[in-house]
C-alpha atoms as a PDB file:
ATOM      1  CA  MET A   1     -13.343   8.662  14.529  1.00  0.00           C
ATOM      2  CA  LYS A   2     -14.079   5.575  12.554  1.00  0.00           C
ATOM      3  CA  LEU A   3     -12.337   5.812   8.780  1.00  0.00           C
ATOM      4  CA  GLN A   4     -16.026   5.121   7.734  1.00  0.00           C
ATOM      5  CA  ASP A   5     -16.839   8.463   8.788  1.00  0.00           C
ATOM      6  CA  LEU A   6     -14.206   9.899   6.865  1.00  0.00           C
ATOM      7  CA  ILE A   7     -14.979   7.413   3.515  1.00  0.00           C
ATOM      8  CA  PRO A   8     -18.406   5.984   3.054  1.00  0.00           C
ATOM      9  CA  ILE A   9     -17.482   2.131   3.035  1.00  0.00           C
ATOM     10  CA  LYS A  10     -18.257  -1.017   4.464  1.00  0.00           C
ATOM     11  CA  TYR A  11     -15.186  -2.209   5.859  1.00  0.00           C
ATOM     12  CA  PRO A  12     -12.338   0.141   7.646  1.00  0.00           C
ATOM     13  CA  ILE A  13      -9.546  -1.339   5.240  1.00  0.00           C
ATOM     14  CA  ILE A  14      -8.051   0.426   2.222  1.00  0.00           C
ATOM     15  CA  GLN A  15      -6.064  -1.307  -0.368  1.00  0.00           C
ATOM     16  CA  GLY A  16      -2.211  -0.202  -0.820  1.00  0.00           C
ATOM     17  CA  GLY A  17      -1.364   1.209  -4.278  1.00  0.00           C
ATOM     18  CA  MET A  18       0.824  -1.263  -5.810  1.00  0.00           C
ATOM     19  CA  ALA A  19       2.476  -0.224  -9.151  1.00  0.00           C
ATOM     20  CA  ASN A  20       1.823  -2.025 -11.898  1.00  0.00           C
ATOM     21  CA  ILE A  21      -0.656  -4.447 -10.046  1.00  0.00           C
ATOM     22  CA  ALA A  22      -3.490  -1.979  -8.850  1.00  0.00           C
ATOM     23  CA  THR A  23      -5.604  -1.335 -12.127  1.00  0.00           C
ATOM     24  CA  GLY A  24      -8.831   0.192 -12.656  1.00  0.00           C
ATOM     25  CA  GLU A  25     -10.417  -3.253 -12.471  1.00  0.00           C
ATOM     26  CA  PHE A  26      -8.389  -4.582  -9.491  1.00  0.00           C
ATOM     27  CA  ALA A  27      -9.741  -1.322  -7.638  1.00  0.00           C
ATOM     28  CA  ALA A  28     -13.160  -1.453  -8.366  1.00  0.00           C
ATOM     29  CA  ALA A  29     -13.055  -5.403  -6.982  1.00  0.00           C
ATOM     30  CA  VAL A  30     -11.747  -4.018  -3.646  1.00  0.00           C
ATOM     31  CA  SER A  31     -14.446  -1.310  -3.469  1.00  0.00           C
ATOM     32  CA  ASN A  32     -17.230  -3.719  -4.561  1.00  0.00           C
ATOM     33  CA  ALA A  33     -16.029  -6.045  -1.958  1.00  0.00           C
ATOM     34  CA  GLY A  34     -16.441  -3.436   0.820  1.00  0.00           C
ATOM     35  CA  GLY A  35     -12.910  -1.965   0.926  1.00  0.00           C
ATOM     36  CA  LEU A  36     -11.380   1.419  -0.386  1.00  0.00           C
ATOM     37  CA  GLY A  37     -10.007   0.127  -4.014  1.00  0.00           C
ATOM     38  CA  LEU A  38      -7.055   2.298  -5.352  1.00  0.00           C
ATOM     39  CA  ILE A  39      -5.568   2.901  -8.699  1.00  0.00           C
ATOM     40  CA  ALA A  40      -1.641   3.026  -8.179  1.00  0.00           C
ATOM     41  CA  SER A  41       0.250   5.487 -10.522  1.00  0.00           C
ATOM     42  CA  GLY A  42       3.345   3.736 -10.201  1.00  0.00           C
ATOM     43  CA  GLY A  43       4.430   2.750 -13.967  1.00  0.00           C
ATOM     44  CA  MET A  44       2.097   4.655 -15.534  1.00  0.00           C
ATOM     45  CA  ASP A  45       1.425   8.057 -17.232  1.00  0.00           C
ATOM     46  CA  HIS A  46      -1.702  10.369 -17.498  1.00  0.00           C
ATOM     47  CA  ILE A  47      -3.077   8.878 -19.954  1.00  0.00           C
ATOM     48  CA  LYS A  48      -3.018   5.395 -18.979  1.00  0.00           C
ATOM     49  CA  ILE A  49      -4.640   6.715 -15.527  1.00  0.00           C
ATOM     50  CA  LYS A  50      -7.458   8.197 -17.025  1.00  0.00           C
ATOM     51  CA  GLU A  51      -8.117   4.951 -19.064  1.00  0.00           C
ATOM     52  CA  GLU A  52      -7.825   2.900 -15.737  1.00  0.00           C
ATOM     53  CA  ILE A  53     -10.316   5.680 -13.769  1.00  0.00           C
ATOM     54  CA  ASP A  54     -12.761   5.318 -16.650  1.00  0.00           C
ATOM     55  CA  LYS A  55     -12.448   1.577 -16.029  1.00  0.00           C
ATOM     56  CA  CYS A  56     -13.065   1.328 -12.427  1.00  0.00           C
ATOM     57  CA  ARG A  57     -15.989   3.667 -12.614  1.00  0.00           C
ATOM     58  CA  LYS A  58     -18.081   1.262 -15.255  1.00  0.00           C
ATOM     59  CA  LEU A  59     -17.235  -1.280 -13.019  1.00  0.00           C
ATOM     60  CA  THR A  60     -18.147   0.242  -9.788  1.00  0.00           C
ATOM     61  CA  ASP A  61     -20.717   2.869  -8.218  1.00  0.00           C
ATOM     62  CA  LYS A  62     -18.932   2.468  -4.656  1.00  0.00           C
ATOM     63  CA  PRO A  63     -15.871   5.044  -3.878  1.00  0.00           C
ATOM     64  CA  PHE A  64     -12.450   4.555  -4.974  1.00  0.00           C
ATOM     65  CA  GLY A  65      -9.287   6.359  -5.165  1.00  0.00           C
ATOM     66  CA  VAL A  66      -5.875   7.035  -6.651  1.00  0.00           C
ATOM     67  CA  ASN A  67      -2.272   6.211  -5.133  1.00  0.00           C
ATOM     68  CA  LEU A  68      -0.103   9.113  -6.655  1.00  0.00           C
ATOM     69  CA  MET A  69       3.745   8.017  -6.621  1.00  0.00           C
ATOM     70  CA  LEU A  70       5.240  11.556  -6.409  1.00  0.00           C
ATOM     71  CA  MET A  71       8.504  10.255  -7.981  1.00  0.00           C
ATOM     72  CA  ASN A  72       6.692   9.604 -11.051  1.00  0.00           C
ATOM     73  CA  PRO A  73       7.842  11.438 -14.033  1.00  0.00           C
ATOM     74  CA  ASP A  74       4.639  12.452 -15.275  1.00  0.00           C
ATOM     75  CA  VAL A  75       3.493  13.508 -11.552  1.00  0.00           C
ATOM     76  CA  ASP A  76       2.405  16.871 -12.579  1.00  0.00           C
ATOM     77  CA  ALA A  77      -0.360  15.804 -15.499  1.00  0.00           C
ATOM     78  CA  ILE A  78      -1.307  12.905 -13.236  1.00  0.00           C
ATOM     79  CA  ALA A  79      -2.072  15.428 -10.269  1.00  0.00           C
ATOM     80  CA  GLU A  80      -4.057  17.593 -12.771  1.00  0.00           C
ATOM     81  CA  LEU A  81      -6.056  14.587 -13.941  1.00  0.00           C
ATOM     82  CA  LEU A  82      -6.950  13.975 -10.741  1.00  0.00           C
ATOM     83  CA  TYR A  83      -8.327  17.111  -9.908  1.00  0.00           C
ATOM     84  CA  GLU A  84      -9.977  17.098 -12.962  1.00  0.00           C
ATOM     85  CA  GLU A  85     -11.566  13.869 -12.707  1.00  0.00           C
ATOM     86  CA  LYS A  86     -12.749  14.574  -9.009  1.00  0.00           C
ATOM     87  CA  ILE A  87     -11.123  11.603  -7.648  1.00  0.00           C
ATOM     88  CA  ALA A  88     -12.718  10.799  -4.098  1.00  0.00           C
ATOM     89  CA  VAL A  89      -9.655   9.790  -2.486  1.00  0.00           C
ATOM     90  CA  ILE A  90      -5.879  10.679  -2.988  1.00  0.00           C
ATOM     91  CA  THR A  91      -3.801   8.801  -1.238  1.00  0.00           C
ATOM     92  CA  THR A  92       0.157   9.835  -2.277  1.00  0.00           C
ATOM     93  CA  GLY A  93       3.509   8.504  -1.367  1.00  0.00           C
ATOM     94  CA  ALA A  94       7.379   8.956  -2.222  1.00  0.00           C
ATOM     95  CA  GLY A  95       7.251  12.716  -1.764  1.00  0.00           C
ATOM     96  CA  ASN A  96       5.462  15.644  -0.519  1.00  0.00           C
ATOM     97  CA  PRO A  97       2.322  16.378  -2.404  1.00  0.00           C
ATOM     98  CA  GLY A  98       2.290  19.789  -0.866  1.00  0.00           C
ATOM     99  CA  LYS A  99       1.956  21.852  -4.059  1.00  0.00           C
ATOM    100  CA  TYR A 100      -1.244  19.984  -5.343  1.00  0.00           C
ATOM    101  CA  LEU A 101      -2.753  19.538  -2.187  1.00  0.00           C
ATOM    102  CA  SER A 102      -4.949  22.830  -1.644  1.00  0.00           C
ATOM    103  CA  ARG A 103      -6.195  22.336  -5.507  1.00  0.00           C
ATOM    104  CA  TRP A 104      -7.422  18.807  -4.871  1.00  0.00           C
ATOM    105  CA  LYS A 105      -8.905  19.418  -1.816  1.00  0.00           C
ATOM    106  CA  GLU A 106     -10.918  22.521  -3.315  1.00  0.00           C
ATOM    107  CA  GLN A 107     -12.873  20.285  -5.543  1.00  0.00           C
ATOM    108  CA  GLY A 108     -13.350  17.955  -2.614  1.00  0.00           C
ATOM    109  CA  SER A 109     -10.999  15.491  -2.421  1.00  0.00           C
ATOM    110  CA  ILE A 110      -9.534  13.644   0.551  1.00  0.00           C
ATOM    111  CA  VAL A 111      -5.641  13.599   0.746  1.00  0.00           C
ATOM    112  CA  ILE A 112      -4.450  11.124   2.646  1.00  0.00           C
ATOM    113  CA  PRO A 113      -0.616  11.584   2.590  1.00  0.00           C
ATOM    114  CA  VAL A 114       1.335   8.030   3.349  1.00  0.00           C
ATOM    115  CA  VAL A 115       4.453   8.557   5.508  1.00  0.00           C
ATOM    116  CA  ALA A 116       7.014   6.693   7.282  1.00  0.00           C
ATOM    117  CA  SER A 117       8.199   9.007   9.915  1.00  0.00           C
ATOM    118  CA  VAL A 118       6.298  11.476  12.826  1.00  0.00           C
ATOM    119  CA  ALA A 119       7.860  14.910  10.906  1.00  0.00           C
ATOM    120  CA  LEU A 120       6.558  13.938   7.607  1.00  0.00           C
ATOM    121  CA  ALA A 121       3.238  13.130   9.325  1.00  0.00           C
ATOM    122  CA  LYS A 122       3.055  16.457  10.847  1.00  0.00           C
ATOM    123  CA  LYS A 123       4.420  18.262   7.499  1.00  0.00           C
ATOM    124  CA  MET A 124       1.344  16.800   5.842  1.00  0.00           C
ATOM    125  CA  VAL A 125      -1.153  17.837   8.345  1.00  0.00           C
ATOM    126  CA  GLN A 126       0.079  21.238   8.309  1.00  0.00           C
ATOM    127  CA  LEU A 127      -0.380  21.251   4.546  1.00  0.00           C
ATOM    128  CA  GLY A 128      -4.057  20.146   4.762  1.00  0.00           C
ATOM    129  CA  ALA A 129      -3.930  16.623   4.595  1.00  0.00           C
ATOM    130  CA  ASP A 130      -7.622  15.119   6.073  1.00  0.00           C
ATOM    131  CA  ALA A 131      -5.941  11.740   7.610  1.00  0.00           C
ATOM    132  CA  ILE A 132      -2.526   9.916   7.347  1.00  0.00           C
ATOM    133  CA  ILE A 133      -1.721   6.053   6.747  1.00  0.00           C
ATOM    134  CA  ALA A 134       1.227   5.461   8.851  1.00  0.00           C
ATOM    135  CA  GLU A 135       3.467   2.850   6.795  1.00  0.00           C
ATOM    136  CA  GLY A 136       5.597   0.606   9.223  1.00  0.00           C
ATOM    137  CA  GLY A 137       8.578  -0.806   7.800  1.00  0.00           C
ATOM    138  CA  GLU A 138       6.897  -4.371   7.568  1.00  0.00           C
ATOM    139  CA  SER A 139       5.287  -3.289   4.481  1.00  0.00           C
ATOM    140  CA  GLY A 140       6.120  -4.522   0.594  1.00  0.00           C
ATOM    141  CA  GLY A 141       8.087  -2.257  -1.586  1.00  0.00           C
ATOM    142  CA  HIS A 142       9.054   1.316  -0.630  1.00  0.00           C
ATOM    143  CA  VAL A 143       9.803   1.004   2.958  1.00  0.00           C
ATOM    144  CA  GLY A 144      10.885   3.362   5.941  1.00  0.00           C
ATOM    145  CA  ASP A 145      13.106   2.039   9.253  1.00  0.00           C
ATOM    146  CA  MET A 146      10.137   2.283  11.961  1.00  0.00           C
ATOM    147  CA  THR A 147       8.132  -0.602  12.604  1.00  0.00           C
ATOM    148  CA  THR A 148       4.099  -0.465  12.302  1.00  0.00           C
ATOM    149  CA  MET A 149       4.045  -0.942  16.071  1.00  0.00           C
ATOM    150  CA  THR A 150       6.415   2.052  16.903  1.00  0.00           C
ATOM    151  CA  LEU A 151       5.064   4.309  14.238  1.00  0.00           C
ATOM    152  CA  VAL A 152       1.425   4.592  14.664  1.00  0.00           C
ATOM    153  CA  PRO A 153       1.100   5.230  18.002  1.00  0.00           C
ATOM    154  CA  GLN A 154       3.746   8.126  17.993  1.00  0.00           C
ATOM    155  CA  VAL A 155       2.145   9.707  14.579  1.00  0.00           C
ATOM    156  CA  ILE A 156      -1.266   9.128  16.548  1.00  0.00           C
ATOM    157  CA  ALA A 157       0.203  11.457  19.271  1.00  0.00           C
ATOM    158  CA  ALA A 158       1.850  13.845  17.055  1.00  0.00           C
ATOM    159  CA  VAL A 159      -1.421  15.060  14.667  1.00  0.00           C
ATOM    160  CA  ASP A 160      -5.164  15.662  15.060  1.00  0.00           C
ATOM    161  CA  VAL A 161      -6.432  13.840  12.403  1.00  0.00           C
ATOM    162  CA  PRO A 162      -7.410   9.934  11.572  1.00  0.00           C
ATOM    163  CA  VAL A 163      -4.545   7.776  11.406  1.00  0.00           C
ATOM    164  CA  ILE A 164      -4.676   4.356   9.043  1.00  0.00           C
ATOM    165  CA  ALA A 165      -1.950   1.709  10.066  1.00  0.00           C
ATOM    166  CA  ALA A 166      -0.258  -0.147   7.343  1.00  0.00           C
ATOM    167  CA  GLY A 167       2.729  -2.476   7.455  1.00  0.00           C
ATOM    168  CA  GLY A 168       2.182  -6.218   8.946  1.00  0.00           C
ATOM    169  CA  ILE A 169      -1.307  -6.471   8.461  1.00  0.00           C
ATOM    170  CA  ALA A 170      -2.924  -9.338   7.211  1.00  0.00           C
ATOM    171  CA  ASN A 171      -5.190 -11.143   9.392  1.00  0.00           C
ATOM    172  CA  GLY A 172      -7.790 -10.303  12.170  1.00  0.00           C
ATOM    173  CA  ASN A 173      -5.181 -10.135  15.094  1.00  0.00           C
ATOM    174  CA  GLN A 174      -3.221  -7.775  13.387  1.00  0.00           C
ATOM    175  CA  MET A 175      -5.704  -5.322  12.724  1.00  0.00           C
ATOM    176  CA  ALA A 176      -6.837  -5.663  16.096  1.00  0.00           C
ATOM    177  CA  ALA A 177      -3.653  -4.928  17.267  1.00  0.00           C
ATOM    178  CA  ALA A 178      -3.983  -1.624  14.706  1.00  0.00           C
ATOM    179  CA  TYR A 179      -6.866  -0.309  16.518  1.00  0.00           C
ATOM    180  CA  ALA A 180      -5.363  -1.034  20.036  1.00  0.00           C
ATOM    181  CA  LEU A 181      -2.910   1.514  18.880  1.00  0.00           C
ATOM    182  CA  GLY A 182      -5.579   4.066  18.055  1.00  0.00           C
ATOM    183  CA  ALA A 183      -5.807   3.411  14.301  1.00  0.00           C
ATOM    184  CA  CYS A 184      -9.051   4.244  12.999  1.00  0.00           C
ATOM    185  CA  GLY A 185      -8.205   2.014  10.007  1.00  0.00           C
ATOM    186  CA  VAL A 186      -6.085  -0.232   8.151  1.00  0.00           C
ATOM    187  CA  GLN A 187      -3.652  -0.318   4.615  1.00  0.00           C
ATOM    188  CA  VAL A 188      -3.352  -4.003   3.444  1.00  0.00           C
ATOM    189  CA  GLY A 189      -1.591  -5.246   0.087  1.00  0.00           C
ATOM    190  CA  THR A 190       0.213  -8.393   0.366  1.00  0.00           C
ATOM    191  CA  CYS A 191      -2.549 -10.248   1.627  1.00  0.00           C
ATOM    192  CA  LEU A 192      -4.538  -8.956  -1.386  1.00  0.00           C
ATOM    193  CA  LEU A 193      -1.586 -10.128  -4.111  1.00  0.00           C
ATOM    194  CA  VAL A 194      -3.166 -13.882  -3.452  1.00  0.00           C
ATOM    195  CA  SER A 195      -6.721 -12.536  -4.033  1.00  0.00           C
ATOM    196  CA  GLU A 196      -8.829 -14.579  -6.854  1.00  0.00           C
ATOM    197  CA  GLU A 197      -9.246 -10.846  -8.283  1.00  0.00           C
ATOM    198  CA  CYS A 198      -5.130  -9.810  -8.403  1.00  0.00           C
ATOM    199  CA  PRO A 199      -3.739  -9.539 -11.882  1.00  0.00           C
ATOM    200  CA  ILE A 200      -0.363 -10.434 -10.780  1.00  0.00           C
ATOM    201  CA  HIS A 201       1.165 -13.687 -12.526  1.00  0.00           C
ATOM    202  CA  ILE A 202       0.246 -16.969 -10.910  1.00  0.00           C
ATOM    203  CA  ASN A 203       3.909 -17.579 -10.564  1.00  0.00           C
ATOM    204  CA  TYR A 204       4.404 -14.543  -8.385  1.00  0.00           C
ATOM    205  CA  LYS A 205       1.001 -15.676  -6.327  1.00  0.00           C
ATOM    206  CA  ASN A 206       2.567 -19.317  -5.750  1.00  0.00           C
ATOM    207  CA  ALA A 207       5.920 -17.589  -4.772  1.00  0.00           C
ATOM    208  CA  LEU A 208       3.930 -15.743  -1.997  1.00  0.00           C
ATOM    209  CA  LEU A 209       2.255 -19.147  -0.721  1.00  0.00           C
ATOM    210  CA  LYS A 210       5.763 -20.754  -0.662  1.00  0.00           C
ATOM    211  CA  ALA A 211       7.565 -17.951   1.273  1.00  0.00           C
ATOM    212  CA  LYS A 212       8.720 -18.588   5.135  1.00  0.00           C
ATOM    213  CA  ASP A 213       8.057 -15.838   8.015  1.00  0.00           C
ATOM    214  CA  ASN A 214      11.896 -14.578   7.119  1.00  0.00           C
ATOM    215  CA  GLY A 215      11.081 -14.510   3.338  1.00  0.00           C
ATOM    216  CA  THR A 216      11.578 -11.398   2.450  1.00  0.00           C
ATOM    217  CA  THR A 217      14.722  -8.831   2.643  1.00  0.00           C
ATOM    218  CA  VAL A 218      15.372  -4.814   1.895  1.00  0.00           C
ATOM    219  CA  THR A 219      17.456  -3.955  -0.854  1.00  0.00           C
ATOM    220  CA  GLY A 220      18.714  -0.833  -2.016  1.00  0.00           C
ATOM    221  CA  ARG A 221      19.655   0.964   1.441  1.00  0.00           C
ATOM    222  CA  SER A 222      22.935   1.883   0.481  1.00  0.00           C
ATOM    223  CA  GLN A 223      21.143   3.842  -2.118  1.00  0.00           C
ATOM    224  CA  GLY A 224      18.573   5.567   0.200  1.00  0.00           C
ATOM    225  CA  ALA A 225      16.135   3.339  -1.550  1.00  0.00           C
ATOM    226  CA  PRO A 226      15.244   0.684   0.459  1.00  0.00           C
ATOM    227  CA  VAL A 227      12.904  -2.128  -1.259  1.00  0.00           C
ATOM    228  CA  ARG A 228      11.216  -5.637   0.700  1.00  0.00           C
ATOM    229  CA  ILE A 229      11.103  -8.078  -1.659  1.00  0.00           C
ATOM    230  CA  LEU A 230      11.156 -11.844  -1.777  1.00  0.00           C
ATOM    231  CA  LYS A 231      14.270 -13.286  -1.506  1.00  0.00           C
ATOM    232  CA  ASN A 232      15.398 -14.812  -4.796  1.00  0.00           C
ATOM    233  CA  GLN A 233      18.588 -15.002  -7.354  1.00  0.00           C
ATOM    234  CA  MET A 234      18.088 -11.182  -7.938  1.00  0.00           C
ATOM    235  CA  ALA A 235      17.782  -9.858  -4.054  1.00  0.00           C
ATOM    236  CA  ARG A 236      21.019 -12.255  -3.234  1.00  0.00           C
ATOM    237  CA  GLN A 237      22.881 -10.785  -6.205  1.00  0.00           C
ATOM    238  CA  TYR A 238      21.874  -7.104  -5.332  1.00  0.00           C
ATOM    239  CA  LEU A 239      22.872  -7.384  -1.897  1.00  0.00           C
ATOM    240  CA  LYS A 240      26.210  -9.056  -2.826  1.00  0.00           C
ATOM    241  CA  LEU A 241      26.941  -5.912  -5.181  1.00  0.00           C
ATOM    242  CA  GLU A 242      25.556  -3.715  -2.411  1.00  0.00           C
ATOM    243  CA  LYS A 243      28.197  -5.297   0.498  1.00  0.00           C
ATOM    244  CA  GLU A 244      30.916  -4.482  -2.135  1.00  0.00           C
ATOM    245  CA  GLY A 245      30.295  -0.995  -2.596  1.00  0.00           C
ATOM    246  CA  ALA A 246      28.611  -1.076  -5.807  1.00  0.00           C
ATOM    247  CA  ASP A 247      27.393   2.164  -7.568  1.00  0.00           C
ATOM    248  CA  LYS A 248      23.862   3.246  -8.893  1.00  0.00           C
ATOM    249  CA  MET A 249      24.144   2.685 -12.364  1.00  0.00           C
ATOM    250  CA  GLU A 250      25.483  -0.828 -11.370  1.00  0.00           C
ATOM    251  CA  LEU A 251      23.012  -1.890  -8.875  1.00  0.00           C
ATOM    252  CA  GLU A 252      20.061  -0.472 -11.493  1.00  0.00           C
ATOM    253  CA  LYS A 253      21.406  -2.833 -13.903  1.00  0.00           C
ATOM    254  CA  ILE A 254      20.051  -5.922 -11.940  1.00  0.00           C
ATOM    255  CA  THR A 255      16.863  -4.381 -11.201  1.00  0.00           C
ATOM    256  CA  LEU A 256      15.605  -2.316 -14.347  1.00  0.00           C
ATOM    257  CA  GLY A 257      12.175  -3.394 -15.274  1.00  0.00           C
ATOM    258  CA  GLY A 258      12.275  -6.326 -12.625  1.00  0.00           C
ATOM    259  CA  LEU A 259       8.726  -5.561 -11.010  1.00  0.00           C
ATOM    260  CA  ARG A 260       7.125  -6.161 -14.225  1.00  0.00           C
ATOM    261  CA  ARG A 261       8.994  -8.852 -14.923  1.00  0.00           C
ATOM    262  CA  ALA A 262       7.637 -10.637 -12.119  1.00  0.00           C
ATOM    263  CA  VAL A 263       3.905  -9.325 -12.175  1.00  0.00           C
ATOM    264  CA  PHE A 264       3.330 -10.014 -16.017  1.00  0.00           C
ATOM    265  CA  ASP A 265       5.929 -12.800 -17.132  1.00  0.00           C
ATOM    266  CA  GLY A 266       6.151 -14.526 -13.828  1.00  0.00           C
ATOM    267  CA  ASP A 267       9.929 -14.275 -13.591  1.00  0.00           C
ATOM    268  CA  VAL A 268      10.310 -14.923  -9.713  1.00  0.00           C
ATOM    269  CA  THR A 269      13.619 -15.825 -10.247  1.00  0.00           C
ATOM    270  CA  THR A 270      15.270 -12.316 -11.328  1.00  0.00           C
ATOM    271  CA  GLY A 271      12.385 -10.370 -11.285  1.00  0.00           C
ATOM    272  CA  SER A 272      11.209  -7.957  -7.995  1.00  0.00           C
ATOM    273  CA  VAL A 273       8.834  -9.613  -6.190  1.00  0.00           C
ATOM    274  CA  MET A 274       7.736  -7.063  -3.812  1.00  0.00           C
ATOM    275  CA  ALA A 275       5.739  -8.216  -0.480  1.00  0.00           C
ATOM    276  CA  GLY A 276       5.331  -7.647   3.093  1.00  0.00           C
ATOM    277  CA  GLN A 277       6.744  -9.548   6.120  1.00  0.00           C
ATOM    278  CA  VAL A 278       3.240 -11.214   6.644  1.00  0.00           C
ATOM    279  CA  CYS A 279       3.893 -13.327   3.005  1.00  0.00           C
ATOM    280  CA  GLY A 280       4.759 -16.205   5.558  1.00  0.00           C
ATOM    281  CA  GLN A 281       0.918 -16.007   6.600  1.00  0.00           C
ATOM    282  CA  LEU A 282      -0.271 -16.114   3.143  1.00  0.00           C
ATOM    283  CA  ASP A 283      -1.510 -20.059   2.595  1.00  0.00           C
ATOM    284  CA  GLU A 284      -4.276 -19.739  -0.346  1.00  0.00           C
ATOM    285  CA  ILE A 285      -5.605 -17.896  -3.305  1.00  0.00           C
ATOM    286  CA  ARG A 286      -9.307 -16.624  -2.054  1.00  0.00           C
ATOM    287  CA  PRO A 287     -12.140 -13.795  -3.507  1.00  0.00           C
ATOM    288  CA  ILE A 288     -11.145 -10.241  -2.324  1.00  0.00           C
ATOM    289  CA  ALA A 289     -14.348 -10.521  -0.480  1.00  0.00           C
ATOM    290  CA  GLU A 290     -13.786 -13.239   1.877  1.00  0.00           C
ATOM    291  CA  ILE A 291     -10.525 -11.704   2.306  1.00  0.00           C
ATOM    292  CA  LEU A 292     -11.838  -8.951   3.764  1.00  0.00           C
ATOM    293  CA  GLU A 293     -14.575 -10.041   5.263  1.00  0.00           C
ATOM    294  CA  GLN A 294     -12.763 -12.326   7.566  1.00  0.00           C
ATOM    295  CA  LEU A 295     -10.058  -9.632   8.016  1.00  0.00           C
ATOM    296  CA  TYR A 296     -12.767  -7.378   9.516  1.00  0.00           C
ATOM    297  CA  ASN A 297     -14.855 -10.149  11.494  1.00  0.00           C
ATOM    298  CA  ASP A 298     -12.090 -11.678  13.267  1.00  0.00           C
ATOM    299  CA  ALA A 299     -10.389  -8.183  14.321  1.00  0.00           C
ATOM    300  CA  LYS A 300     -14.116  -7.345  15.859  1.00  0.00           C
ATOM    301  CA  ALA A 301     -14.032 -10.532  17.747  1.00  0.00           C
ATOM    302  CA  ARG A 302     -10.415 -10.303  18.857  1.00  0.00           C
ATOM    303  CA  LEU A 303     -11.223  -6.997  20.064  1.00  0.00           C
ATOM    304  CA  ASP A 304     -14.683  -8.037  21.782  1.00  0.00           C
ATOM    305  CA  GLU A 305     -12.176 -10.823  23.158  1.00  0.00           C
ATOM    306  CA  ILE A 306     -10.175  -8.558  24.576  1.00  0.00           C
ATOM    307  CA  SER A 307     -12.392  -5.999  25.789  1.00  0.00           C
ATOM    308  CA  GLY A 308     -14.419  -8.733  27.902  1.00  0.00           C
ATOM    309  CA  SER A 309     -10.773 -10.040  29.485  1.00  0.00           C
ATOM    310  CA  MET A 310      -8.373  -8.654  32.329  1.00  0.00           C
ATOM    311  CA  LEU A 311      -4.989  -7.583  31.176  1.00  0.00           C
END
C-alpha cells in the first residue's frame, strides 16, 4: 500500500510534529509543497492549537494534520478539539492515545501513532490505529533505543497496517532505504528545519548547517526521558551532571525553557537545539518545495537503479 492511498498527498512524506516549531503556517507550507504538514501540540494549549488550525485552513486546501503530544497538560481538551475540528490526520507521541482513538475515528480521522518499539506498535493496532510511524533513535527530540534500520522491519513484520519510517532520513538514498525495509512512506523533521519557511531563529539554522556527522548527543537517559540535541554548552553541562548522579530537579534547571530559547531567541549555547543525526548532511537553506521534490525524485531514481542491478 502507498501512503498516498491512505492520505491524498503528492509525495509519501510526512512532516514531523516538532514542538514550538510546527505552526499552522509551517504545516500549510509543507502541505502546499506536496507533503503532509502537521501542527505540533507541544508547548500549546487547546486555545492556541485552535488558532493554528484556523491559520492552516486559511493557507492551504490540502490535507494537513495535528500531532498530539500526550504528555501535554491540556491533552484531554486538545483531544476533544481534534474531534470537533474533524482533523484529517492525527499523529500521536509520548504516550498511549487509546482512550481517544475510537472517538477520533468515529468522525473520520486517520490516526497514526509514533512508536519506538514493536510492543507499542502492536498495542496501537489493537486499539484501531490506521497506520504506524516507526521512529528510530537517530531522530531529533525525544528518542527511543532502537535504530530505524532495526525497528522498521520488525514493526512491519508484527502489524498488518501501513508503516511509515522515521529517524535518520534526509536524502533520497535514505528514503529509498526506508522503502527497501518495507515502509510505505517516511516522516522527516531535521531536514525541514533548514527550509526557508521554517520559523526557527536563524542562529538555530546556522548551528544545524555547521554541525558535523557526530554533532548530536542524547541527554536525559538517566531520567528515562532521552532527548537528542546538538552538542553545546548546555548539553555538556547536562551530561556532566548526569554522570555525577544529579537528581531530576537539578537537571531540569538546566533544560527548563531551553527549546523555546533556541527556537525564538536563537540561544544555541545554553538552549536545547533539538536535531537528528542527519544534521551533518545539511548544507544549505532551501524552500520546502525544493527539499521535498528532491527527496522524492532522488529516492525514486535510487530505487530504479537498484531494481536494475544485481546484488
